[in-house]
Amino acid sequence: MNRFQRYIIRKSFVRLAVIIFGLAMALLFTGLNRSVDQTVSNLPDLVIGTIVFFLVAQGSFRIMKLAK
């Protein structure tokens, strides 16, 4: 097996891991959503939204820093 084939196999495993992680997070957030509906609280949505905002902002600052 040459380096290119090993690279493709490794990338496939990484993509599969990302898909599995995404499905697990979707199931987790669906479970949180049910509890939000029962408690009528927006706190879990606010926490998740804040975390996503900071991750996106951090990535955008890294991209801008690399562009200089």
Protein backbone atom coordinates (compact mmCIF):
# COMPACT_ATOMS: atom_id res chain seq x y z
CA MET A 1 0.00 0.00 0.00
CA ASN A 2 1.50 3.34 -0.98
CA ARG A 3 1.36 6.64 0.90
CA PHE A 4 -1.57 7.98 -1.09
CA GLN A 5 -3.75 4.96 -0.28
CA ARG A 6 -2.87 5.22 3.42
CA TYR A 7 -3.71 8.92 3.31
CA ILE A 8 -7.13 8.23 1.74
CA ILE A 9 -7.91 5.51 4.30
CA ARG A 10 -6.88 7.79 7.18
CA LYS A 11 -9.05 10.63 5.82
CA SER A 12 -11.98 8.22 5.51
CA PHE A 13 -11.65 7.21 9.15
CA VAL A 14 -11.51 10.85 10.23
CA ARG A 15 -14.61 11.66 8.21
CA LEU A 16 -16.43 8.67 9.67
CA ALA A 17 -15.46 9.79 13.19
CA VAL A 18 -16.80 13.29 12.49
CA ILE A 19 -20.08 11.87 11.20
CA ILE A 20 -20.48 9.65 14.27
CA PHE A 21 -19.64 12.57 16.58
CA GLY A 22 -22.21 14.75 14.79
CA LEU A 23 -24.89 12.11 15.16
CA ALA A 24 -24.08 11.73 18.85
CA MET A 25 -24.33 15.49 19.37
CA ALA A 26 -27.63 15.60 17.49
CA LEU A 27 -29.03 12.91 19.76
CA LEU A 28 -27.72 14.71 22.83
CA PHE A 29 -29.19 18.05 21.76
CA THR A 30 -32.50 16.42 20.90
CA GLY A 31 -32.57 15.11 24.45
CA LEU A 32 -31.80 18.61 25.76
CA ASN A 33 -34.53 20.02 23.57
CA ARG A 34 -37.09 17.73 25.15
CA SER A 35 -36.08 18.90 28.62
CA VAL A 36 -36.30 22.53 27.46
CA ASP A 37 -39.83 21.93 26.24
CA GLN A 38 -40.76 20.46 29.60
CA THR A 39 -39.15 23.18 31.73
CA VAL A 40 -39.84 26.12 29.37
CA SER A 41 -36.26 27.36 29.80
CA ASN A 42 -34.09 28.93 27.12
CA LEU A 43 -30.88 28.48 29.11
CA PRO A 44 -29.55 25.37 27.25
CA ASP A 45 -30.09 27.08 23.88
CA LEU A 46 -28.31 30.19 25.14
CA VAL A 47 -25.33 28.20 26.43
CA ILE A 48 -24.96 26.19 23.21
CA GLY A 49 -25.35 29.32 21.08
CA THR A 50 -22.71 31.14 23.10
CA ILE A 51 -20.24 28.25 22.76
CA VAL A 52 -20.80 28.07 18.99
CA PHE A 53 -20.40 31.85 18.68
CA PHE A 54 -17.04 31.82 20.45
CA LEU A 55 -15.78 28.87 18.39
CA VAL A 56 -16.73 30.61 15.13
CA ALA A 57 -15.23 33.92 16.29
CA GLN A 58 -11.99 32.20 17.29
CA GLY A 59 -11.76 30.51 13.89
CA SER A 60 -12.42 33.76 12.04
CA PHE A 61 -9.69 35.56 14.00
CA ARG A 62 -7.24 32.75 13.17
CA ILE A 63 -8.09 33.07 9.47
CA MET A 64 -7.64 36.85 9.58
CA LYS A 65 -4.29 36.44 11.38
CA LEU A 66 -3.08 34.00 8.71
CA ALA A 67 -4.17 36.35 5.93
CA LYS A 68 -1.78 39.09 7.09
